[in-house]
Amino acid sequence: MSNSKRPHAPKEEKRGAQEIQLSHLDNRFSCQIDGTVIQNVKDYSLVQSSNGKALLNLTIEISAEVVSTTIQAQMQQHL
C-alpha cells in the first residue's frame, strides 16, 4: 500500500456577509470593512453586477495621486 499523498486544491473558504461601514467626514469618507479601516477614501460608488454581487468602488488618495480599487462583496437579499 502506497503512502504517497496527492496534492489537493485549496478549499475555498465560505464567507458570510461582510460588514461595511461608510460615513462622511469633512471632504473625505470614513470606511471600515470587517473592522479594517480604509484610509484616505475620497469617494465611493456601489453597484450590483449581473451575477448578484455588489461592487464597491473606492477612490483612495495615495501620495497625492487619486487611484481607484474594487472590492467585491455578496449583496444580501432582504425580505
N, C-alpha and C. Protein backbone atom coordinates (compact mmCIF):
# COMPACT_ATOMS: atom_id res chain seq x y z
N MET A 1 0.84 -1.18 0.00
CA MET A 1 0.00 0.00 0.00
C MET A 1 0.89 1.25 0.00
N SER A 2 0.62 2.15 -0.90
CA SER A 2 1.42 3.36 -1.04
C SER A 2 0.98 4.41 -0.03
N ASN A 3 1.97 5.11 0.49
CA ASN A 3 1.68 6.13 1.49
C ASN A 3 1.84 7.53 0.89
N SER A 4 1.86 7.62 -0.45
CA SER A 4 2.07 8.92 -1.10
C SER A 4 0.81 9.77 -1.00
N LYS A 5 1.04 11.05 -0.87
CA LYS A 5 -0.08 11.99 -0.78
C LYS A 5 -0.26 12.68 -2.11
N ARG A 6 -1.49 12.83 -2.51
CA ARG A 6 -1.79 13.56 -3.73
C ARG A 6 -2.05 15.02 -3.38
N PRO A 7 -1.60 15.93 -4.26
CA PRO A 7 -1.88 17.34 -3.98
C PRO A 7 -3.37 17.62 -4.11
N HIS A 8 -3.87 18.43 -3.22
CA HIS A 8 -5.28 18.81 -3.24
C HIS A 8 -5.38 20.30 -3.53
N ALA A 9 -6.44 20.65 -4.24
CA ALA A 9 -6.71 22.07 -4.46
C ALA A 9 -7.11 22.68 -3.13
N PRO A 10 -6.68 23.91 -2.88
CA PRO A 10 -7.07 24.53 -1.61
C PRO A 10 -8.58 24.68 -1.53
N LYS A 11 -9.12 24.43 -0.35
CA LYS A 11 -10.56 24.57 -0.16
C LYS A 11 -10.91 26.04 -0.15
N GLU A 12 -11.99 26.37 -0.86
CA GLU A 12 -12.44 27.75 -0.88
C GLU A 12 -13.24 28.00 0.39
N GLU A 13 -12.84 29.01 1.11
CA GLU A 13 -13.49 29.33 2.37
C GLU A 13 -14.83 30.00 2.10
N LYS A 14 -15.88 29.48 2.72
CA LYS A 14 -17.20 30.07 2.56
C LYS A 14 -17.31 31.24 3.52
N ARG A 15 -17.57 32.41 2.98
CA ARG A 15 -17.64 33.62 3.80
C ARG A 15 -19.08 34.05 3.98
N GLY A 16 -19.32 34.63 5.12
CA GLY A 16 -20.62 35.24 5.37
C GLY A 16 -20.62 36.65 4.80
N ALA A 17 -21.63 37.40 5.13
CA ALA A 17 -21.71 38.78 4.66
C ALA A 17 -20.61 39.61 5.29
N GLN A 18 -20.06 40.52 4.50
CA GLN A 18 -19.04 41.43 5.03
C GLN A 18 -19.73 42.64 5.65
N GLU A 19 -19.15 43.14 6.72
CA GLU A 19 -19.68 44.34 7.35
C GLU A 19 -18.91 45.54 6.82
N ILE A 20 -19.62 46.43 6.14
CA ILE A 20 -19.00 47.62 5.55
C ILE A 20 -19.66 48.85 6.16
N GLN A 21 -18.84 49.74 6.72
CA GLN A 21 -19.34 50.98 7.31
C GLN A 21 -18.74 52.15 6.55
N LEU A 22 -19.59 53.06 6.09
CA LEU A 22 -19.15 54.27 5.40
C LEU A 22 -19.80 55.47 6.07
N SER A 23 -19.02 56.50 6.33
CA SER A 23 -19.58 57.75 6.85
C SER A 23 -18.80 58.91 6.27
N HIS A 24 -19.47 60.06 6.14
CA HIS A 24 -18.87 61.24 5.53
C HIS A 24 -18.26 62.13 6.60
N LEU A 25 -16.97 62.45 6.44
CA LEU A 25 -16.26 63.32 7.37
C LEU A 25 -15.57 64.42 6.58
N ASP A 26 -16.02 65.66 6.75
CA ASP A 26 -15.46 66.79 6.01
C ASP A 26 -15.47 66.50 4.51
N ASN A 27 -14.29 66.48 3.87
CA ASN A 27 -14.23 66.20 2.42
C ASN A 27 -13.78 64.77 2.14
N ARG A 28 -13.80 63.91 3.15
CA ARG A 28 -13.40 62.51 2.99
C ARG A 28 -14.48 61.61 3.56
N PHE A 29 -14.33 60.32 3.29
CA PHE A 29 -15.24 59.32 3.83
C PHE A 29 -14.45 58.43 4.78
N SER A 30 -15.10 58.04 5.86
CA SER A 30 -14.54 57.04 6.76
C SER A 30 -15.09 55.70 6.31
N CYS A 31 -14.21 54.71 6.13
CA CYS A 31 -14.63 53.40 5.63
C CYS A 31 -13.98 52.30 6.45
N GLN A 32 -14.80 51.33 6.87
CA GLN A 32 -14.30 50.13 7.54
C GLN A 32 -14.93 48.92 6.87
N ILE A 33 -14.11 47.91 6.58
CA ILE A 33 -14.59 46.65 6.00
C ILE A 33 -14.17 45.55 6.95
N ASP A 34 -15.15 44.88 7.55
CA ASP A 34 -14.90 43.84 8.55
C ASP A 34 -13.93 44.32 9.63
N GLY A 35 -14.09 45.59 10.06
CA GLY A 35 -13.26 46.14 11.12
C GLY A 35 -11.93 46.71 10.66
N THR A 36 -11.57 46.51 9.39
CA THR A 36 -10.32 47.05 8.85
C THR A 36 -10.58 48.45 8.32
N VAL A 37 -9.84 49.43 8.82
CA VAL A 37 -10.01 50.82 8.40
C VAL A 37 -9.34 51.03 7.05
N ILE A 38 -10.07 51.61 6.11
CA ILE A 38 -9.53 52.01 4.81
C ILE A 38 -9.34 53.52 4.88
N GLN A 39 -8.10 53.97 4.78
CA GLN A 39 -7.80 55.39 4.96
C GLN A 39 -7.80 56.14 3.63
N ASN A 40 -8.00 57.45 3.73
CA ASN A 40 -7.90 58.39 2.61
C ASN A 40 -8.92 58.13 1.50
N VAL A 41 -10.14 57.71 1.87
CA VAL A 41 -11.19 57.49 0.87
C VAL A 41 -11.76 58.84 0.47
N LYS A 42 -11.66 59.18 -0.81
CA LYS A 42 -12.16 60.45 -1.33
C LYS A 42 -13.59 60.33 -1.83
N ASP A 43 -13.96 59.16 -2.39
CA ASP A 43 -15.30 58.96 -2.95
C ASP A 43 -15.56 57.47 -3.05
N TYR A 44 -16.83 57.11 -3.26
CA TYR A 44 -17.17 55.70 -3.45
C TYR A 44 -18.44 55.59 -4.28
N SER A 45 -18.65 54.42 -4.86
CA SER A 45 -19.91 54.10 -5.53
C SER A 45 -20.19 52.62 -5.29
N LEU A 46 -21.47 52.27 -5.33
CA LEU A 46 -21.90 50.90 -5.08
C LEU A 46 -22.87 50.51 -6.18
N VAL A 47 -22.56 49.43 -6.89
CA VAL A 47 -23.44 48.93 -7.96
C VAL A 47 -23.60 47.43 -7.79
N GLN A 48 -24.67 46.89 -8.39
CA GLN A 48 -24.89 45.45 -8.35
C GLN A 48 -24.58 44.88 -9.72
N SER A 49 -23.73 43.84 -9.76
CA SER A 49 -23.36 43.21 -11.03
C SER A 49 -24.43 42.21 -11.44
N SER A 50 -24.34 41.71 -12.66
CA SER A 50 -25.33 40.79 -13.19
C SER A 50 -25.33 39.45 -12.46
N ASN A 51 -24.23 39.09 -11.79
CA ASN A 51 -24.19 37.82 -11.07
C ASN A 51 -24.66 37.96 -9.62
N GLY A 52 -25.21 39.11 -9.26
CA GLY A 52 -25.78 39.30 -7.94
C GLY A 52 -24.83 39.83 -6.90
N LYS A 53 -23.57 40.04 -7.26
CA LYS A 53 -22.60 40.57 -6.30
C LYS A 53 -22.64 42.09 -6.31
N ALA A 54 -22.35 42.66 -5.17
CA ALA A 54 -22.24 44.10 -5.07
C ALA A 54 -20.79 44.49 -5.34
N LEU A 55 -20.60 45.55 -6.10
CA LEU A 55 -19.26 46.06 -6.36
C LEU A 55 -19.14 47.41 -5.66
N LEU A 56 -18.23 47.50 -4.72
CA LEU A 56 -17.96 48.74 -4.01
C LEU A 56 -16.68 49.32 -4.59
N ASN A 57 -16.80 50.46 -5.24
CA ASN A 57 -15.64 51.13 -5.83
C ASN A 57 -15.22 52.26 -4.90
N LEU A 58 -13.99 52.19 -4.42
CA LEU A 58 -13.44 53.21 -3.55
C LEU A 58 -12.39 54.01 -4.30
N THR A 59 -12.45 55.33 -4.20
CA THR A 59 -11.39 56.18 -4.72
C THR A 59 -10.56 56.61 -3.52
N ILE A 60 -9.29 56.22 -3.54
CA ILE A 60 -8.40 56.42 -2.40
C ILE A 60 -7.25 57.33 -2.82
N GLU A 61 -6.95 58.32 -1.98
CA GLU A 61 -5.83 59.22 -2.26
C GLU A 61 -4.56 58.62 -1.67
N ILE A 62 -3.56 58.41 -2.55
CA ILE A 62 -2.27 57.87 -2.12
C ILE A 62 -1.18 58.75 -2.70
N SER A 63 -0.35 59.31 -1.87
CA SER A 63 0.76 60.17 -2.29
C SER A 63 0.30 61.23 -3.29
N ALA A 64 -0.80 61.90 -2.97
CA ALA A 64 -1.37 62.99 -3.77
C ALA A 64 -1.87 62.56 -5.14
N GLU A 65 -1.89 61.26 -5.43
CA GLU A 65 -2.48 60.77 -6.67
C GLU A 65 -3.74 60.01 -6.31
N VAL A 66 -4.80 60.21 -7.09
CA VAL A 66 -6.05 59.53 -6.81
C VAL A 66 -6.12 58.26 -7.65
N VAL A 67 -6.34 57.14 -6.99
CA VAL A 67 -6.45 55.85 -7.68
C VAL A 67 -7.78 55.21 -7.27
N SER A 68 -8.18 54.18 -7.97
CA SER A 68 -9.44 53.51 -7.69
C SER A 68 -9.21 52.02 -7.50
N THR A 69 -9.95 51.40 -6.61
CA THR A 69 -9.86 49.96 -6.39
C THR A 69 -11.27 49.39 -6.25
N THR A 70 -11.43 48.12 -6.52
CA THR A 70 -12.74 47.47 -6.42
C THR A 70 -12.65 46.32 -5.44
N ILE A 71 -13.60 46.27 -4.52
CA ILE A 71 -13.72 45.17 -3.57
C ILE A 71 -15.08 44.53 -3.82
N GLN A 72 -15.11 43.21 -4.03
CA GLN A 72 -16.37 42.53 -4.28
C GLN A 72 -16.93 41.98 -2.98
N ALA A 73 -18.22 42.15 -2.80
CA ALA A 73 -18.91 41.61 -1.63
C ALA A 73 -20.28 41.10 -2.08
N GLN A 74 -20.71 39.99 -1.52
CA GLN A 74 -22.02 39.44 -1.85
C GLN A 74 -23.09 40.32 -1.22
N MET A 75 -24.07 40.75 -2.02
CA MET A 75 -25.15 41.59 -1.52
C MET A 75 -26.21 40.70 -0.88
N GLN A 76 -26.65 41.04 0.31
CA GLN A 76 -27.66 40.25 1.00
C GLN A 76 -29.04 40.58 0.46
N GLN A 77 -29.88 39.56 0.34
CA GLN A 77 -31.27 39.75 -0.05
C GLN A 77 -32.08 40.04 1.20
N HIS A 78 -32.83 41.13 1.21
CA HIS A 78 -33.68 41.47 2.35
C HIS A 78 -35.12 41.16 1.99
N LEU A 79 -35.83 40.54 2.91
CA LEU A 79 -37.24 40.20 2.69
C LEU A 79 -38.13 41.34 3.07
